[in-house]
Protein backbone atom coordinates (compact mmCIF):
# COMPACT_ATOMS: atom_id res chain seq x y z
CA UNK A 1 140.13 53.87 -22.31
CA UNK A 2 140.06 50.84 -19.97
CA UNK A 3 136.30 50.26 -20.47
CA UNK A 4 136.56 50.32 -24.24
CA UNK A 5 139.48 47.81 -24.13
CA UNK A 6 137.71 45.29 -21.87
CA UNK A 7 134.55 45.06 -23.98
CA UNK A 8 136.22 43.51 -27.07
CA UNK A 9 137.90 40.94 -24.85
CA UNK A 10 134.57 40.06 -23.23
CA UNK A 11 132.88 39.71 -26.61
CA UNK A 12 135.70 37.48 -27.82
CA UNK A 13 135.26 35.15 -24.84
CA UNK A 14 131.51 35.05 -25.40
CA UNK A 15 131.93 34.14 -29.04
CA UNK A 16 134.40 31.40 -28.09
CA UNK A 17 131.93 29.94 -25.59
CA UNK A 18 129.15 30.06 -28.17
CA UNK A 19 131.34 28.39 -30.80
CA UNK A 20 132.39 25.66 -28.35
CA UNK A 21 128.75 25.06 -27.36
CA UNK A 22 127.64 24.89 -30.94
CA UNK A 23 130.46 22.47 -31.71
CA UNK A 24 129.52 20.29 -28.75
CA UNK A 25 125.88 20.29 -29.84
CA UNK A 26 126.84 19.35 -33.37
CA UNK A 27 129.07 16.57 -32.08
CA UNK A 28 126.27 15.31 -29.88
CA UNK A 29 123.84 15.35 -32.78
CA UNK A 30 126.34 13.50 -34.97
CA UNK A 31 126.94 10.87 -32.32
CA UNK A 32 123.21 10.58 -31.76
CA UNK A 33 122.60 10.02 -35.44
CA UNK A 34 125.41 7.48 -35.60
CA UNK A 35 123.90 5.50 -32.70
CA UNK A 36 120.21 5.82 -33.52
CA UNK A 37 120.16 5.28 -37.26
CA UNK A 38 121.61 1.70 -37.21
CA UNK A 39 119.24 0.78 -34.43
CA UNK A 40 116.29 2.14 -36.34
CA UNK A 41 117.50 0.32 -39.43
CA UNK A 42 117.90 -2.96 -37.49
CA UNK A 43 114.45 -2.63 -35.99
CA UNK A 44 113.02 -1.99 -39.40
CA UNK A 45 114.81 -5.01 -40.85
CA UNK A 46 113.71 -7.14 -37.92
CA UNK A 47 110.12 -6.10 -38.41
CA UNK A 48 110.38 -6.88 -42.10
CA UNK A 49 111.93 -10.25 -41.34
CA UNK A 50 109.24 -11.03 -38.77
CA UNK A 51 106.58 -10.10 -41.24
CA UNK A 52 108.26 -12.30 -43.82
CA UNK A 53 108.37 -15.20 -41.37
CA UNK A 54 104.71 -14.67 -40.51
CA UNK A 55 103.67 -14.63 -44.10
CA UNK A 56 106.09 -17.27 -45.46
CA UNK A 57 105.08 -20.96 -45.58
CA UNK A 58 107.12 -23.08 -43.10
CA UNK A 59 109.30 -25.85 -44.49
CA UNK A 60 108.40 -29.43 -43.50
CA UNK A 61 110.02 -32.72 -44.37
CA UNK A 62 107.59 -35.13 -45.97
CA UNK A 63 107.53 -38.80 -46.94
CA UNK A 64 105.11 -41.20 -48.55
CA UNK A 65 103.85 -44.26 -46.64
CA UNK A 66 105.38 -47.59 -47.55
CA UNK A 67 103.46 -50.84 -47.92
CA UNK A 68 103.73 -52.93 -44.78
CA UNK A 69 106.11 -55.84 -45.18
CA UNK A 70 107.16 -58.77 -43.07
CA UNK A 71 108.79 -57.87 -39.78
CA UNK A 72 111.16 -59.71 -37.48
CA UNK A 73 109.87 -60.39 -33.98
CA UNK A 74 112.70 -61.38 -31.64
CA UNK A 75 111.88 -62.79 -28.20
CA UNK A 76 114.06 -64.17 -25.43
CA UNK A 77 113.68 -67.80 -24.39
CA UNK A 78 115.45 -70.68 -22.66
CA UNK A 79 116.21 -73.97 -24.38
CA UNK A 80 114.86 -77.22 -22.97
CA UNK A 81 115.53 -80.84 -23.82
CA UNK A 82 112.86 -82.51 -25.94
CA UNK A 83 112.68 -85.21 -23.25
CA UNK A 84 113.83 -84.68 -19.70
CA UNK A 85 113.22 -87.10 -16.88
CA UNK A 86 114.31 -87.26 -13.25
CA UNK A 87 114.91 -90.87 -12.17
CA UNK A 88 113.53 -91.69 -8.71
CA UNK A 89 113.96 -94.86 -6.69
CA UNK A 90 110.98 -97.24 -6.43
CA UNK A 91 112.57 -99.40 -3.74
CA UNK A 92 114.41 -98.58 -0.51
CA UNK A 93 117.92 -99.64 0.37
CA UNK A 94 121.56 -98.70 -0.12
CA UNK A 95 123.19 -97.83 -3.43
CA UNK A 96 125.55 -100.75 -4.07
CA UNK A 97 126.81 -99.86 -7.58
CA UNK A 98 126.78 -96.82 -9.84
CA UNK A 99 127.63 -97.12 -13.52
CA UNK A 100 127.20 -93.57 -14.94
CA UNK A 101 128.10 -89.99 -14.10
CA UNK A 102 127.18 -86.55 -15.41
CA UNK A 103 127.89 -86.07 -19.09
CA UNK A 104 127.68 -89.77 -19.94
CA UNK A 105 125.56 -90.78 -22.92
CA UNK A 106 123.18 -93.66 -22.19
CA UNK A 107 120.83 -95.81 -24.24
CA UNK A 108 117.27 -96.80 -23.47
CA UNK A 109 117.25 -99.63 -20.89
CA UNK A 110 120.90 -99.15 -19.93
CA UNK A 111 121.71 -99.99 -16.31
CA UNK A 112 122.46 -96.85 -14.32
CA UNK A 113 122.81 -98.14 -10.76
CA UNK A 114 121.93 -101.02 -8.45
CA UNK A 115 120.27 -100.78 -5.05
CA UNK A 116 120.83 -103.37 -2.35
CA UNK A 117 117.60 -104.12 -0.44
CA UNK A 118 118.17 -107.07 1.95
CA UNK A 119 114.78 -106.58 3.57
CA UNK A 120 112.99 -106.85 0.23
CA UNK A 121 114.98 -109.97 -0.67
CA UNK A 122 114.07 -111.54 2.66
CA UNK A 123 110.41 -110.62 2.22
CA UNK A 124 110.49 -112.21 -1.24
CA UNK A 125 111.88 -115.47 0.15
CA UNK A 126 109.25 -115.45 2.89
CA UNK A 127 106.54 -114.75 0.33
CA UNK A 128 107.71 -117.61 -1.88
CA UNK A 129 107.68 -119.93 1.16
CA UNK A 130 104.15 -118.83 2.03
CA UNK A 131 103.12 -119.47 -1.56
CA UNK A 132 104.53 -123.00 -1.49
CA UNK A 133 102.82 -123.66 1.86
CA UNK A 134 99.48 -122.45 0.52
CA UNK A 135 99.92 -124.64 -2.58
CA UNK A 136 100.53 -127.72 -0.41
CA UNK A 137 97.52 -126.80 1.68
CA UNK A 138 95.49 -126.57 -1.52
CA UNK A 139 96.63 -130.07 -2.47
CA UNK A 140 95.56 -131.30 0.98
CA UNK A 141 92.14 -129.73 0.69
CA UNK A 142 91.67 -131.19 -2.78
CA UNK A 143 92.49 -134.66 -1.36
CA UNK A 144 89.96 -134.14 1.38
CA UNK A 145 87.44 -133.09 -1.25
CA UNK A 146 88.05 -136.29 -3.22
CA UNK A 147 87.59 -138.37 -0.06
CA UNK A 148 84.38 -136.50 0.85
CA UNK A 149 83.03 -137.00 -2.68
CA UNK A 150 83.74 -140.76 -2.60
CA UNK A 151 82.22 -141.13 0.88
CA UNK A 152 79.11 -139.23 -0.15
CA UNK A 153 78.75 -141.49 -3.19
CA UNK A 154 78.88 -144.70 -1.12
CA UNK A 155 76.34 -143.39 1.39
CA UNK A 156 73.98 -142.29 -1.36
CA UNK A 157 74.23 -145.77 -2.97
CA UNK A 158 73.57 -147.44 0.35
CA UNK A 159 70.67 -145.09 1.02
CA UNK A 160 69.06 -146.15 -2.23
CA UNK A 161 68.92 -149.73 -0.85
CA UNK A 162 67.83 -148.49 2.62
CA UNK A 163 71.01 -149.86 4.21
CA UNK A 164 72.06 -146.70 6.11
CA UNK A 165 70.37 -144.10 8.22
CA UNK A 166 69.28 -140.85 6.63
CA UNK A 167 71.39 -138.88 9.08
CA UNK A 168 74.59 -140.55 7.88
CA UNK A 169 73.76 -139.59 4.29
CA UNK A 170 73.19 -135.94 5.30
CA UNK A 171 76.49 -135.91 7.19
CA UNK A 172 78.39 -137.15 4.13
CA UNK A 173 76.81 -134.49 1.97
CA UNK A 174 77.72 -131.77 4.50
CA UNK A 175 81.31 -133.07 4.67
CA UNK A 176 81.54 -132.88 0.89
CA UNK A 177 80.32 -129.29 0.80
CA UNK A 178 82.73 -128.35 3.60
CA UNK A 179 85.59 -129.84 1.62
CA UNK A 180 84.53 -127.81 -1.43
CA UNK A 181 84.60 -124.59 0.61
CA UNK A 182 88.01 -125.48 2.04
CA UNK A 183 89.38 -126.01 -1.47
CA UNK A 184 88.01 -122.63 -2.58
CA UNK A 185 89.59 -120.92 0.44
CA UNK A 186 92.91 -122.64 -0.22
CA UNK A 187 92.82 -121.52 -3.86
CA UNK A 188 92.15 -117.91 -2.77
CA UNK A 189 95.06 -118.13 -0.35
CA UNK A 190 97.30 -119.36 -3.17
CA UNK A 191 96.23 -116.43 -5.36
CA UNK A 192 96.89 -113.97 -2.52
CA UNK A 193 100.34 -115.34 -1.79
CA UNK A 194 101.10 -115.42 -5.52
CA UNK A 195 100.16 -111.75 -5.88
CA UNK A 196 102.39 -110.87 -2.91
CA UNK A 197 105.31 -112.76 -4.48
CA UNK A 198 104.83 -110.92 -7.79
CA UNK A 199 104.74 -107.59 -5.93
CA UNK A 200 108.00 -108.38 -4.17
CA UNK A 201 109.55 -109.59 -7.41
CA UNK A 202 108.60 -106.24 -8.98
CA UNK A 203 110.23 -104.44 -6.07
CA UNK A 204 113.41 -106.44 -6.47
CA UNK A 205 113.44 -105.67 -10.21
CA UNK A 206 113.47 -101.97 -9.31
CA UNK A 207 116.77 -102.57 -7.55
CA UNK A 208 118.22 -102.22 -11.05
CA UNK A 209 117.82 -98.54 -12.06
CA UNK A 210 117.58 -98.30 -15.87
CA UNK A 211 117.42 -95.43 -18.34
CA UNK A 212 113.87 -94.88 -19.69
CA UNK A 213 115.22 -93.45 -22.97
CA UNK A 214 118.49 -92.59 -24.65
CA UNK A 215 120.15 -89.30 -23.78
CA UNK A 216 122.76 -87.62 -21.62
CA UNK A 217 123.04 -87.74 -17.83
CA UNK A 218 122.80 -84.11 -16.72
CA UNK A 219 122.41 -84.78 -12.97
CA UNK A 220 123.83 -87.41 -10.67
CA UNK A 221 122.81 -86.93 -7.06
CA UNK A 222 123.93 -90.16 -5.34
CA UNK A 223 127.11 -92.06 -4.52
CA UNK A 224 127.74 -95.66 -3.57
CA UNK A 225 126.57 -96.32 -0.02
CA UNK A 226 123.89 -93.61 -0.02
CA UNK A 227 120.62 -94.48 1.70
CA UNK A 228 117.84 -94.57 -0.86
CA UNK A 229 114.21 -93.99 0.10
CA UNK A 230 111.57 -95.15 -2.32
CA UNK A 231 109.76 -92.27 -4.01
CA UNK A 232 111.70 -89.59 -2.14
CA UNK A 233 112.56 -86.52 -4.27
CA UNK A 234 115.69 -85.93 -2.19
CA UNK A 235 117.82 -89.02 -1.97
CA UNK A 236 121.21 -87.80 -0.84
CA UNK A 237 122.92 -84.79 0.69
CA UNK A 238 125.18 -84.35 -2.35
CA UNK A 239 124.73 -81.15 -4.28
CA UNK A 240 123.50 -81.68 -7.82
CA UNK A 241 125.78 -79.93 -10.36
CA UNK A 242 122.86 -78.49 -12.35
CA UNK A 243 120.37 -78.18 -9.54
CA UNK A 244 118.65 -74.82 -9.40
CA UNK A 245 118.05 -74.89 -5.66
CA UNK A 246 121.40 -76.43 -4.76
CA UNK A 247 119.82 -79.59 -3.34
CA UNK A 248 119.73 -83.06 -4.82
CA UNK A 249 116.64 -84.03 -6.78
CA UNK A 250 116.15 -87.69 -7.65
CA UNK A 251 118.88 -90.23 -8.36
CA UNK A 252 119.68 -89.10 -11.90
CA UNK A 253 118.35 -86.73 -14.51
CA UNK A 254 118.49 -87.74 -18.16
CA UNK A 255 117.88 -85.35 -21.06
CA UNK A 256 117.57 -86.07 -24.74
CA UNK A 257 119.46 -83.25 -26.47
CA UNK A 258 119.41 -84.42 -30.09
CA UNK A 259 116.47 -82.05 -30.40
CA UNK A 260 115.58 -79.12 -28.16
CA UNK A 261 112.53 -76.97 -27.67
CA UNK A 262 111.77 -73.49 -26.42
CA UNK A 263 108.56 -71.93 -25.17
CA UNK A 264 107.93 -68.28 -26.00
CA UNK A 265 105.03 -65.96 -25.28
CA UNK A 266 103.85 -64.17 -28.43
CA UNK A 267 102.14 -60.77 -27.88
CA UNK A 268 98.49 -60.66 -28.83
CA UNK A 269 99.11 -58.31 -31.79
CA UNK A 270 101.31 -60.95 -33.47
CA UNK A 271 99.44 -64.07 -32.37
CA UNK A 272 97.26 -64.43 -35.53
CA UNK A 273 100.41 -64.60 -37.68
CA UNK A 274 102.09 -67.37 -35.66
CA UNK A 275 100.96 -70.72 -37.05
CA UNK A 276 102.20 -74.30 -36.83
CA UNK A 277 105.07 -74.85 -39.24
CA UNK A 278 106.26 -71.22 -39.23
CA UNK A 279 110.09 -71.23 -39.58
CA UNK A 280 112.08 -69.39 -36.91
CA UNK A 281 115.71 -68.53 -36.23
CA UNK A 282 117.42 -69.25 -32.93
CA UNK A 283 120.56 -67.31 -32.03
CA UNK A 284 122.74 -67.36 -28.92
CA UNK A 285 124.19 -64.12 -27.62
CA UNK A 286 127.95 -64.14 -28.02
CA UNK A 287 127.98 -66.76 -30.78
CA UNK A 288 128.61 -65.28 -34.22
CA UNK A 289 127.87 -68.46 -36.15
CA UNK A 290 124.92 -69.08 -38.42
CA UNK A 291 121.61 -69.04 -36.50
CA UNK A 292 119.97 -72.42 -35.98
CA UNK A 293 116.68 -72.91 -37.80
CA UNK A 294 113.61 -74.32 -36.10
CA UNK A 295 109.88 -74.25 -36.57
CA UNK A 296 106.69 -73.74 -34.59
CA UNK A 297 105.26 -77.14 -33.64
CA UNK A 298 102.27 -76.14 -31.53
CA UNK A 299 100.55 -73.24 -29.82
CA UNK A 300 98.22 -73.04 -26.86
CA UNK A 301 95.39 -71.85 -29.17
CA UNK A 302 94.34 -69.44 -26.43
CA UNK A 303 95.51 -66.06 -25.16
CA UNK A 304 96.65 -65.89 -21.55
CA UNK A 305 94.33 -63.25 -19.99
CA UNK A 306 97.03 -62.28 -17.50
CA UNK A 307 99.77 -61.45 -20.01
CA UNK A 308 97.76 -61.22 -23.27
CA UNK A 309 100.25 -63.57 -24.92
CA UNK A 310 100.07 -66.84 -26.84
CA UNK A 311 102.21 -69.70 -25.51
CA UNK A 312 104.14 -71.17 -28.45
CA UNK A 313 106.49 -74.15 -28.68
CA UNK A 314 109.39 -74.18 -31.13
CA UNK A 315 111.32 -77.38 -31.86
CA UNK A 316 115.02 -77.14 -32.75
CA UNK A 317 117.04 -79.93 -34.39
CA UNK A 318 120.32 -80.31 -32.51
CA UNK A 319 122.15 -83.33 -33.90
CA UNK A 320 125.49 -81.52 -33.58
CA UNK A 321 124.76 -80.66 -29.93
CA UNK A 322 125.69 -77.06 -30.67
CA UNK A 323 122.97 -75.87 -28.33
CA UNK A 324 122.59 -77.11 -24.78
CA UNK A 325 119.55 -77.24 -22.50
CA UNK A 326 119.25 -74.16 -20.32
CA UNK A 327 120.80 -71.72 -22.81
CA UNK A 328 119.47 -68.16 -23.08
CA UNK A 329 118.61 -67.64 -26.74
CA UNK A 330 116.76 -65.22 -29.00
CA UNK A 331 113.97 -66.65 -31.10
CA UNK A 332 113.21 -64.60 -34.21
CA UNK A 333 109.89 -64.96 -36.01
CA UNK A 334 109.26 -63.62 -39.51
CA UNK A 335 105.84 -62.05 -39.05
CA UNK A 336 103.97 -61.45 -42.30
CA UNK A 337 101.55 -58.48 -42.55
CA UNK A 338 97.86 -59.31 -42.35
CA UNK A 339 95.43 -57.18 -44.39
CA UNK A 340 96.18 -53.93 -46.24
CA UNK A 341 98.40 -51.75 -44.10
CA UNK A 342 100.86 -48.92 -44.55
CA UNK A 343 103.98 -48.18 -42.61
CA UNK A 344 105.00 -44.67 -41.53
CA UNK A 345 107.75 -43.30 -39.25
CA UNK A 346 106.85 -43.32 -35.58
CA UNK A 347 107.67 -39.58 -35.42
CA UNK A 348 104.92 -38.83 -37.98
CA UNK A 349 102.12 -39.97 -35.68
CA UNK A 350 100.46 -37.32 -33.50
CA UNK A 351 98.90 -38.35 -30.19
CA UNK A 352 96.78 -35.65 -28.53
CA UNK A 353 93.28 -34.89 -27.32
CA UNK A 354 91.98 -34.92 -30.90
CA UNK A 355 93.03 -38.57 -31.28
CA UNK A 356 95.68 -40.36 -33.30
CA UNK A 357 96.45 -38.47 -36.50
CA UNK A 358 99.07 -37.77 -39.14
CA UNK A 359 99.75 -34.44 -40.89
CA UNK A 360 99.16 -34.65 -44.65
CA UNK A 361 100.26 -32.05 -47.22
CA UNK A 362 97.31 -31.82 -49.61
CA UNK A 363 96.40 -29.75 -52.66
CA UNK A 364 97.94 -26.27 -52.70
CA UNK A 365 100.52 -27.37 -50.11
CA UNK A 366 97.98 -27.02 -47.32
CA UNK A 367 98.02 -29.11 -44.18
CA UNK A 368 95.32 -31.59 -43.20
CA UNK A 369 95.33 -33.69 -40.04
CA UNK A 370 94.09 -37.18 -40.96
CA UNK A 371 92.82 -39.58 -38.25
CA UNK A 372 94.36 -43.06 -38.52
CA UNK A 373 94.04 -46.46 -36.86
CA UNK A 374 97.39 -47.88 -35.78
CA UNK A 375 98.55 -51.48 -35.94
CA UNK A 376 101.84 -52.96 -34.80
CA UNK A 377 104.50 -50.71 -33.32
CA UNK A 378 108.08 -51.51 -34.39
CA UNK A 379 109.71 -48.69 -32.44
CA UNK A 380 111.03 -46.59 -35.33
CA UNK A 381 107.97 -47.24 -37.50
CA UNK A 382 104.29 -47.98 -37.01
CA UNK A 383 101.78 -49.85 -39.14
CA UNK A 384 98.61 -47.97 -40.08
CA UNK A 385 95.56 -50.18 -40.45
CA UNK A 386 93.07 -47.57 -41.64
CA UNK A 387 92.99 -43.90 -42.64
CA UNK A 388 95.56 -43.89 -45.47
CA UNK A 389 95.35 -44.80 -49.13
CA UNK A 390 99.10 -44.96 -49.73
CA UNK A 391 99.48 -41.92 -52.03
CA UNK A 392 99.49 -39.26 -49.30
CA UNK A 393 102.40 -36.94 -48.54
CA UNK A 394 102.99 -37.18 -44.79
CA UNK A 395 104.95 -34.79 -42.59
CA UNK A 396 107.67 -36.79 -40.87
CA UNK A 397 108.03 -34.58 -37.78
CA UNK A 398 105.02 -32.30 -37.30
CA UNK A 399 105.38 -29.52 -34.71
CA UNK A 400 102.75 -28.08 -32.41
CA UNK A 401 102.79 -24.78 -34.35
CA UNK A 402 101.29 -26.37 -37.46
CA UNK A 403 97.61 -25.66 -37.97
CA UNK A 404 94.85 -27.18 -40.06
CA UNK A 405 94.76 -25.58 -43.52
CA UNK A 406 98.13 -23.87 -43.10
CA UNK A 407 100.33 -23.51 -46.21
CA UNK A 408 103.70 -25.23 -45.96
CA UNK A 409 106.72 -25.84 -48.14
CA UNK A 410 107.21 -29.61 -48.43
CA UNK A 411 110.73 -31.02 -48.65
CA UNK A 412 111.15 -34.62 -49.73
CA UNK A 413 112.87 -36.63 -47.02
CA UNK A 414 115.57 -39.10 -47.98
CA UNK A 415 114.88 -41.35 -45.00
CA UNK A 416 112.43 -44.21 -45.22
CA UNK A 417 109.66 -45.04 -42.86
CA UNK A 418 111.84 -47.50 -41.03
CA UNK A 419 110.10 -50.60 -42.30
């Protein structure tokens, strides 16, 4: 009885275990399907998307080249006075009077200062005395010449009658010739002393320091009582207000500021377009007023081999004295294009081992890499001298993945070429 009762219980437990195992297996299979199917689906979609990307034409932004137009070339420069002269002393002495200071406006020939030179004055008086002495000596020698001439005439008359010895006649002739030589020497001495007097008079005239032209005094390096040395570039220990080195340089410096000039170095690429008479604009940083207009007055007509630039002078009218010498300014040239050129964005140009090229979208939306010859570089845009006809569709930002003959989807860009 006990054996028959335990068997049904054992079978019941076995069935329960089997049912639980089957349920667990089913649950596992359900969970497995739930986890695997989305992954398989995602992988399939990813593969389809990758295939679509591989087969689809990439989108590129395109633009057409623009005709090259005039461009502004702005270069830094420093203004200079149209005339600028440092006044040096031509005579030595002490500064006795000074009539001008920095900032004063002077006219041509105006007296700037006076130099006291007692030694020069004394030398002039001595020279004048020597001149008068040589003139009196000349008068004496001329009198002796007249006496010798008269004596020689009497002896020659007496000799014609045989009344005097031949030796006496020869002596009178020799005395006459000696008197002639003495007169010539006295005349030369007068000329020498006269030249010395004129030299000293010229030195004394330089005691009055005058302005060579009208303008403004921009340096004053001396004070009354300063020792002046003729021709010395440093005449006083005073510090010049506008001196670059901090030391005095000459007595005064005068600048004519009614018109100014600047010198700029034009890069070789722009040099052919810069000609005499070309109008330019001059602007000062920090001044928001209207730029001052000037024009090119001359060029060096040669390229500096060291910098590959053309030295150019620009004259600026400055009647209002708005600009001052020594200002840092920007000089802007309007450079006209030379020849037939096209302008494209700088990002459209490809530089690699195959050369300089641009990517063109041709017939059937296929890519072609066109070699080009570049001109002037404006930073955001570049001029193309050769290689384009102007009707091409150019990729604005080609990537390294683009290949020759590849199909693309062009998208018209709203941005211009930057010109």
